[in-house]
Amino acid sequence: MSREDQLREAITQRLAAILAQVSDEFASIHPAAGNFFPPASQLLQGGKRMRAILADAGYRCARQSDVLAPVIIEFGVALELFQAAALVHDDIIDDSDSRRGHPSAHVYFAGLSPSDRAHEATSFGRNGAILLGDLLIVLAE
């Protein structure tokens, strides 16, 4: 397995662990809170992880080391979480209905709205997506 594949796999596993932990914490508040994380999971699956690979390349050049450092994995995770937050917020700004073949976060949340009025569902969706994006920024920290 190449170094890039190892890095991608480590980041994917760490992201899944973070989302599972936060989802469990939210579920302890209210069972319906588990509905908050599917858009984030969708955004964080797959991808080339180019930001992390470039960060790793810079780290290797600066440190002159070929060791896959845990700090690079954590930094890569932070980059992916921040990028996901930016995508959630960008889809709101652009009023995009989908992202990577799936409903964008605000569309997903609109579908969970307790109201059948379109404008209230739209507002509910946007508000939920803004909160999700903000949470992803916090998790990136």
N, C-alpha and C. Protein backbone atom coordinates (compact mmCIF):
# COMPACT_ATOMS: atom_id res chain seq x y z
N MET A 1 0.85 -1.18 0.00
CA MET A 1 0.00 0.00 0.00
C MET A 1 0.89 1.24 0.00
N SER A 2 0.57 2.19 -0.86
CA SER A 2 1.39 3.40 -0.95
C SER A 2 1.20 4.27 0.29
N ARG A 3 2.13 5.18 0.48
CA ARG A 3 2.05 6.11 1.61
C ARG A 3 0.77 6.94 1.53
N GLU A 4 0.42 7.39 0.32
CA GLU A 4 -0.79 8.18 0.15
C GLU A 4 -2.03 7.37 0.52
N ASP A 5 -2.05 6.10 0.13
CA ASP A 5 -3.18 5.23 0.49
C ASP A 5 -3.25 5.02 1.99
N GLN A 6 -2.09 4.86 2.64
CA GLN A 6 -2.06 4.72 4.09
C GLN A 6 -2.61 5.97 4.77
N LEU A 7 -2.21 7.13 4.26
CA LEU A 7 -2.68 8.39 4.82
C LEU A 7 -4.19 8.53 4.62
N ARG A 8 -4.66 8.24 3.41
CA ARG A 8 -6.10 8.31 3.14
C ARG A 8 -6.88 7.40 4.09
N GLU A 9 -6.40 6.18 4.24
CA GLU A 9 -7.09 5.20 5.10
C GLU A 9 -7.09 5.66 6.56
N ALA A 10 -5.96 6.16 7.04
CA ALA A 10 -5.88 6.63 8.42
C ALA A 10 -6.83 7.80 8.65
N ILE A 11 -6.90 8.71 7.70
CA ILE A 11 -7.80 9.86 7.83
C ILE A 11 -9.25 9.42 7.79
N THR A 12 -9.58 8.52 6.88
CA THR A 12 -10.95 8.02 6.77
C THR A 12 -11.39 7.35 8.07
N GLN A 13 -10.51 6.53 8.64
CA GLN A 13 -10.84 5.86 9.90
C GLN A 13 -11.01 6.86 11.04
N ARG A 14 -10.15 7.85 11.10
CA ARG A 14 -10.22 8.86 12.17
C ARG A 14 -11.48 9.70 12.03
N LEU A 15 -11.82 10.08 10.81
CA LEU A 15 -13.05 10.85 10.58
C LEU A 15 -14.28 10.06 11.01
N ALA A 16 -14.31 8.78 10.66
CA ALA A 16 -15.45 7.93 11.05
C ALA A 16 -15.55 7.84 12.57
N ALA A 17 -14.41 7.72 13.25
CA ALA A 17 -14.41 7.64 14.71
C ALA A 17 -14.91 8.93 15.33
N ILE A 18 -14.47 10.06 14.80
CA ILE A 18 -14.91 11.36 15.33
C ILE A 18 -16.41 11.52 15.15
N LEU A 19 -16.91 11.25 13.95
CA LEU A 19 -18.34 11.39 13.70
C LEU A 19 -19.17 10.44 14.55
N ALA A 20 -18.69 9.22 14.74
CA ALA A 20 -19.41 8.26 15.59
C ALA A 20 -19.47 8.75 17.03
N GLN A 21 -18.36 9.26 17.52
CA GLN A 21 -18.31 9.76 18.90
C GLN A 21 -19.25 10.94 19.09
N VAL A 22 -19.19 11.90 18.19
CA VAL A 22 -20.03 13.08 18.31
C VAL A 22 -21.50 12.71 18.13
N SER A 23 -21.78 11.80 17.21
CA SER A 23 -23.16 11.34 17.02
C SER A 23 -23.70 10.67 18.27
N ASP A 24 -22.88 9.86 18.92
CA ASP A 24 -23.29 9.22 20.17
C ASP A 24 -23.55 10.25 21.27
N GLU A 25 -22.69 11.25 21.33
CA GLU A 25 -22.87 12.31 22.33
C GLU A 25 -24.18 13.06 22.08
N PHE A 26 -24.47 13.35 20.83
CA PHE A 26 -25.71 14.04 20.50
C PHE A 26 -26.92 13.15 20.79
N ALA A 27 -26.80 11.87 20.48
CA ALA A 27 -27.91 10.94 20.70
C ALA A 27 -28.25 10.84 22.19
N SER A 28 -27.27 11.07 23.05
CA SER A 28 -27.55 11.03 24.48
C SER A 28 -28.41 12.22 24.90
N ILE A 29 -28.40 13.27 24.10
CA ILE A 29 -29.25 14.44 24.38
C ILE A 29 -30.68 14.16 23.93
N HIS A 30 -30.80 13.62 22.71
CA HIS A 30 -32.11 13.29 22.15
C HIS A 30 -31.90 12.28 21.03
N PRO A 31 -32.73 11.23 20.97
CA PRO A 31 -32.55 10.20 19.94
C PRO A 31 -32.58 10.73 18.51
N ALA A 32 -33.38 11.75 18.25
CA ALA A 32 -33.48 12.30 16.89
C ALA A 32 -32.22 13.03 16.47
N ALA A 33 -31.33 13.33 17.41
CA ALA A 33 -30.10 14.05 17.07
C ALA A 33 -29.20 13.24 16.15
N GLY A 34 -29.40 11.93 16.09
CA GLY A 34 -28.63 11.11 15.17
C GLY A 34 -28.88 11.47 13.71
N ASN A 35 -30.00 12.13 13.44
CA ASN A 35 -30.32 12.58 12.08
C ASN A 35 -29.46 13.76 11.64
N PHE A 36 -28.67 14.28 12.55
CA PHE A 36 -27.88 15.48 12.26
C PHE A 36 -26.62 15.18 11.44
N PHE A 37 -26.14 13.95 11.47
CA PHE A 37 -24.81 13.67 10.92
C PHE A 37 -24.73 13.01 9.55
N PRO A 38 -25.80 12.45 8.99
CA PRO A 38 -25.64 11.84 7.66
C PRO A 38 -25.07 12.76 6.58
N PRO A 39 -25.44 14.04 6.52
CA PRO A 39 -24.81 14.88 5.47
C PRO A 39 -23.30 15.02 5.67
N ALA A 40 -22.85 15.11 6.91
CA ALA A 40 -21.42 15.21 7.17
C ALA A 40 -20.71 13.92 6.79
N SER A 41 -21.30 12.80 7.14
CA SER A 41 -20.71 11.51 6.78
C SER A 41 -20.57 11.38 5.27
N GLN A 42 -21.60 11.81 4.56
CA GLN A 42 -21.59 11.74 3.10
C GLN A 42 -20.47 12.60 2.52
N LEU A 43 -20.33 13.82 3.04
CA LEU A 43 -19.28 14.72 2.53
C LEU A 43 -17.88 14.21 2.83
N LEU A 44 -17.72 13.51 3.93
CA LEU A 44 -16.39 13.10 4.36
C LEU A 44 -15.97 11.73 3.85
N GLN A 45 -16.84 11.06 3.10
CA GLN A 45 -16.48 9.76 2.54
C GLN A 45 -15.72 9.94 1.24
N GLY A 46 -14.76 9.08 1.04
CA GLY A 46 -14.03 9.08 -0.23
C GLY A 46 -13.21 10.34 -0.43
N GLY A 47 -12.98 10.65 -1.66
CA GLY A 47 -12.18 11.81 -1.99
C GLY A 47 -10.70 11.47 -2.08
N LYS A 48 -9.97 12.35 -2.70
CA LYS A 48 -8.54 12.12 -2.91
C LYS A 48 -7.69 12.51 -1.72
N ARG A 49 -8.24 13.33 -0.84
CA ARG A 49 -7.52 13.80 0.35
C ARG A 49 -6.24 14.55 -0.06
N MET A 50 -6.36 15.32 -1.13
CA MET A 50 -5.19 16.03 -1.66
C MET A 50 -4.62 17.03 -0.67
N ARG A 51 -5.46 17.69 0.11
CA ARG A 51 -4.95 18.66 1.08
C ARG A 51 -4.02 17.96 2.06
N ALA A 52 -4.44 16.81 2.55
CA ALA A 52 -3.63 16.06 3.51
C ALA A 52 -2.36 15.53 2.86
N ILE A 53 -2.46 15.06 1.63
CA ILE A 53 -1.28 14.55 0.93
C ILE A 53 -0.26 15.66 0.72
N LEU A 54 -0.73 16.85 0.35
CA LEU A 54 0.19 17.98 0.18
C LEU A 54 0.79 18.43 1.51
N ALA A 55 -0.02 18.40 2.57
CA ALA A 55 0.51 18.74 3.90
C ALA A 55 1.59 17.73 4.30
N ASP A 56 1.34 16.46 4.02
CA ASP A 56 2.32 15.42 4.33
C ASP A 56 3.60 15.63 3.53
N ALA A 57 3.46 15.99 2.27
CA ALA A 57 4.65 16.23 1.44
C ALA A 57 5.47 17.39 2.00
N GLY A 58 4.79 18.44 2.41
CA GLY A 58 5.50 19.58 3.02
C GLY A 58 6.18 19.20 4.32
N TYR A 59 5.48 18.41 5.12
CA TYR A 59 6.04 17.95 6.40
C TYR A 59 7.29 17.10 6.16
N ARG A 60 7.19 16.19 5.19
CA ARG A 60 8.34 15.33 4.88
C ARG A 60 9.52 16.14 4.40
N CYS A 61 9.27 17.15 3.59
CA CYS A 61 10.36 17.99 3.09
C CYS A 61 11.00 18.78 4.24
N ALA A 62 10.17 19.34 5.10
CA ALA A 62 10.69 20.15 6.20
C ALA A 62 11.41 19.30 7.24
N ARG A 63 10.89 18.12 7.51
CA ARG A 63 11.46 17.25 8.54
C ARG A 63 12.49 16.27 7.98
N GLN A 64 12.50 16.13 6.67
CA GLN A 64 13.37 15.16 6.01
C GLN A 64 13.20 13.78 6.66
N SER A 65 11.92 13.39 6.73
CA SER A 65 11.58 12.11 7.35
C SER A 65 10.48 11.44 6.54
N ASP A 66 10.56 10.13 6.43
CA ASP A 66 9.53 9.39 5.72
C ASP A 66 8.51 8.74 6.65
N VAL A 67 8.59 9.06 7.94
CA VAL A 67 7.65 8.50 8.91
C VAL A 67 6.30 9.19 8.75
N LEU A 68 5.22 8.39 8.69
CA LEU A 68 3.87 8.95 8.63
C LEU A 68 3.50 9.37 10.05
N ALA A 69 3.69 10.64 10.34
CA ALA A 69 3.52 11.15 11.70
C ALA A 69 2.05 11.29 12.07
N PRO A 70 1.71 10.93 13.30
CA PRO A 70 0.33 11.11 13.77
C PRO A 70 -0.17 12.55 13.64
N VAL A 71 0.74 13.51 13.79
CA VAL A 71 0.34 14.92 13.68
C VAL A 71 -0.17 15.22 12.26
N ILE A 72 0.37 14.57 11.26
CA ILE A 72 -0.08 14.78 9.89
C ILE A 72 -1.46 14.17 9.69
N ILE A 73 -1.70 13.02 10.31
CA ILE A 73 -3.03 12.42 10.21
C ILE A 73 -4.06 13.35 10.84
N GLU A 74 -3.76 13.87 12.03
CA GLU A 74 -4.69 14.78 12.71
C GLU A 74 -4.87 16.07 11.91
N PHE A 75 -3.78 16.58 11.34
CA PHE A 75 -3.88 17.78 10.52
C PHE A 75 -4.72 17.51 9.28
N GLY A 76 -4.52 16.35 8.66
CA GLY A 76 -5.33 15.97 7.50
C GLY A 76 -6.80 15.87 7.85
N VAL A 77 -7.11 15.32 9.01
CA VAL A 77 -8.49 15.23 9.48
C VAL A 77 -9.07 16.63 9.65
N ALA A 78 -8.30 17.51 10.26
CA ALA A 78 -8.75 18.89 10.45
C ALA A 78 -9.03 19.57 9.11
N LEU A 79 -8.16 19.36 8.14
CA LEU A 79 -8.36 19.94 6.81
C LEU A 79 -9.65 19.42 6.17
N GLU A 80 -9.89 18.13 6.30
CA GLU A 80 -11.10 17.53 5.72
C GLU A 80 -12.36 18.05 6.41
N LEU A 81 -12.33 18.17 7.73
CA LEU A 81 -13.49 18.70 8.45
C LEU A 81 -13.75 20.15 8.07
N PHE A 82 -12.70 20.94 7.98
CA PHE A 82 -12.87 22.35 7.60
C PHE A 82 -13.41 22.47 6.18
N GLN A 83 -12.89 21.65 5.27
CA GLN A 83 -13.37 21.67 3.88
C GLN A 83 -14.84 21.27 3.82
N ALA A 84 -15.23 20.26 4.59
CA ALA A 84 -16.64 19.84 4.62
C ALA A 84 -17.52 20.97 5.12
N ALA A 85 -17.06 21.69 6.14
CA ALA A 85 -17.82 22.84 6.66
C ALA A 85 -17.97 23.90 5.56
N ALA A 86 -16.90 24.15 4.85
CA ALA A 86 -16.95 25.14 3.76
C ALA A 86 -17.94 24.71 2.68
N LEU A 87 -17.97 23.42 2.37
CA LEU A 87 -18.91 22.92 1.35
C LEU A 87 -20.36 23.05 1.81
N VAL A 88 -20.62 22.74 3.08
CA VAL A 88 -21.98 22.88 3.61
C VAL A 88 -22.43 24.33 3.49
N HIS A 89 -21.57 25.25 3.93
CA HIS A 89 -21.93 26.67 3.87
C HIS A 89 -22.00 27.16 2.43
N ASP A 90 -21.11 26.70 1.57
CA ASP A 90 -21.12 27.10 0.17
C ASP A 90 -22.42 26.67 -0.52
N ASP A 91 -22.89 25.47 -0.22
CA ASP A 91 -24.14 25.00 -0.83
C ASP A 91 -25.33 25.86 -0.41
N ILE A 92 -25.29 26.39 0.80
CA ILE A 92 -26.35 27.31 1.24
C ILE A 92 -26.26 28.60 0.43
N ILE A 93 -25.07 29.15 0.35
CA ILE A 93 -24.86 30.41 -0.37
C ILE A 93 -25.27 30.28 -1.83
N ASP A 94 -24.87 29.17 -2.46
CA ASP A 94 -25.15 28.95 -3.88
C ASP A 94 -26.54 28.36 -4.12
N ASP A 95 -27.24 28.01 -3.05
CA ASP A 95 -28.55 27.36 -3.12
C ASP A 95 -28.47 26.10 -3.99
N SER A 96 -27.40 25.33 -3.77
CA SER A 96 -27.20 24.08 -4.50
C SER A 96 -28.07 22.98 -3.92
N ASP A 97 -28.74 22.26 -4.77
CA ASP A 97 -29.62 21.18 -4.32
C ASP A 97 -28.87 19.89 -4.02
N SER A 98 -27.70 19.72 -4.61
CA SER A 98 -26.98 18.47 -4.41
C SER A 98 -25.48 18.72 -4.33
N ARG A 99 -24.81 17.73 -3.75
CA ARG A 99 -23.36 17.73 -3.63
C ARG A 99 -22.91 16.29 -3.80
N ARG A 100 -22.09 16.05 -4.80
CA ARG A 100 -21.55 14.72 -5.08
C ARG A 100 -22.64 13.66 -5.23
N GLY A 101 -23.72 14.06 -5.91
CA GLY A 101 -24.79 13.11 -6.21
C GLY A 101 -25.77 12.86 -5.08
N HIS A 102 -25.66 13.60 -3.99
CA HIS A 102 -26.56 13.44 -2.85
C HIS A 102 -27.17 14.80 -2.52
N PRO A 103 -28.29 14.80 -1.81
CA PRO A 103 -28.86 16.11 -1.41
C PRO A 103 -27.86 16.89 -0.58
N SER A 104 -27.78 18.18 -0.85
CA SER A 104 -26.92 19.02 -0.02
C SER A 104 -27.51 19.05 1.39
N ALA A 105 -26.70 19.50 2.35
CA ALA A 105 -27.12 19.45 3.76
C ALA A 105 -28.41 20.21 3.99
N HIS A 106 -28.54 21.41 3.41
CA HIS A 106 -29.76 22.18 3.69
C HIS A 106 -30.99 21.53 3.06
N VAL A 107 -30.83 20.84 1.95
CA VAL A 107 -31.95 20.12 1.35
C VAL A 107 -32.30 18.90 2.21
N TYR A 108 -31.29 18.20 2.68
CA TYR A 108 -31.51 17.05 3.57
C TYR A 108 -32.30 17.48 4.81
N PHE A 109 -31.85 18.55 5.46
CA PHE A 109 -32.52 19.01 6.67
C PHE A 109 -33.92 19.54 6.39
N ALA A 110 -34.12 20.16 5.23
CA ALA A 110 -35.47 20.62 4.87
C ALA A 110 -36.43 19.44 4.82
N GLY A 111 -35.94 18.30 4.38
CA GLY A 111 -36.75 17.10 4.33
C GLY A 111 -37.12 16.56 5.70
N LEU A 112 -36.40 16.97 6.73
CA LEU A 112 -36.69 16.55 8.10
C LEU A 112 -37.56 17.55 8.84
N SER A 113 -37.91 18.63 8.17
CA SER A 113 -38.67 19.70 8.82
C SER A 113 -40.00 19.20 9.37
N PRO A 114 -40.35 19.64 10.57
CA PRO A 114 -41.66 19.26 11.14
C PRO A 114 -42.82 19.99 10.46
N SER A 115 -42.52 20.97 9.63
CA SER A 115 -43.56 21.74 8.95
C SER A 115 -43.71 21.27 7.51
N ASP A 116 -44.93 21.30 7.01
CA ASP A 116 -45.14 20.96 5.60
C ASP A 116 -45.20 22.21 4.74
N ARG A 117 -45.00 23.36 5.33
CA ARG A 117 -44.95 24.61 4.56
C ARG A 117 -43.56 24.77 3.96
N ALA A 118 -43.51 25.02 2.68
CA ALA A 118 -42.24 25.05 1.96
C ALA A 118 -41.27 26.08 2.54
N HIS A 119 -41.75 27.29 2.83
CA HIS A 119 -40.82 28.31 3.32
C HIS A 119 -40.28 27.97 4.71
N GLU A 120 -41.11 27.31 5.53
CA GLU A 120 -40.65 26.91 6.86
C GLU A 120 -39.66 25.74 6.76
N ALA A 121 -39.92 24.82 5.85
CA ALA A 121 -39.00 23.70 5.64
C ALA A 121 -37.66 24.21 5.11
N THR A 122 -37.71 25.17 4.20
CA THR A 122 -36.48 25.75 3.65
C THR A 122 -35.68 26.43 4.75
N SER A 123 -36.34 27.18 5.59
CA SER A 123 -35.66 27.85 6.71
C SER A 123 -35.08 26.82 7.68
N PHE A 124 -35.85 25.80 7.98
CA PHE A 124 -35.38 24.73 8.87
C PHE A 124 -34.13 24.08 8.27
N GLY A 125 -34.16 23.81 6.98
CA GLY A 125 -33.03 23.18 6.31
C GLY A 125 -31.78 24.05 6.34
N ARG A 126 -31.94 25.32 6.03
CA ARG A 126 -30.79 26.23 6.04
C ARG A 126 -30.21 26.36 7.45
N ASN A 127 -31.09 26.50 8.43
CA ASN A 127 -30.62 26.64 9.81
C ASN A 127 -29.86 25.39 10.26
N GLY A 128 -30.40 24.23 9.96
CA GLY A 128 -29.72 22.98 10.32
C GLY A 128 -28.36 22.86 9.65
N ALA A 129 -28.29 23.23 8.38
CA ALA A 129 -27.03 23.14 7.64
C ALA A 129 -26.00 24.13 8.18
N ILE A 130 -26.43 25.32 8.52
CA ILE A 130 -25.50 26.29 9.11
C ILE A 130 -24.92 25.74 10.41
N LEU A 131 -25.79 25.17 11.24
CA LEU A 131 -25.31 24.59 12.49
C LEU A 131 -24.36 23.42 12.24
N LEU A 132 -24.67 22.59 11.25
CA LEU A 132 -23.77 21.48 10.92
C LEU A 132 -22.41 22.00 10.45
N GLY A 133 -22.42 22.98 9.57
CA GLY A 133 -21.16 23.56 9.11
C GLY A 133 -20.35 24.14 10.24
N ASP A 134 -21.03 24.84 11.15
CA ASP A 134 -20.34 25.42 12.31
C ASP A 134 -19.75 24.32 13.20
N LEU A 135 -20.52 23.24 13.40
CA LEU A 135 -20.01 22.12 14.20
C LEU A 135 -18.77 21.50 13.56
N LEU A 136 -18.79 21.36 12.25
CA LEU A 136 -17.63 20.79 11.56
C LEU A 136 -16.39 21.68 11.73
N ILE A 137 -16.60 22.99 11.74
CA ILE A 137 -15.47 23.91 12.00
C ILE A 137 -14.93 23.69 13.40
N VAL A 138 -15.82 23.55 14.37
CA VAL A 138 -15.40 23.31 15.75
C VAL A 138 -14.64 21.99 15.84
N LEU A 139 -15.15 20.96 15.18
CA LEU A 139 -14.46 19.66 15.20
C LEU A 139 -13.09 19.74 14.53
N ALA A 140 -12.95 20.60 13.54
CA ALA A 140 -11.66 20.76 12.87
C ALA A 140 -10.61 21.31 13.83
N GLU A 141 -11.05 22.09 14.77
CA GLU A 141 -10.12 22.67 15.74
C GLU A 141 -9.48 21.56 16.56
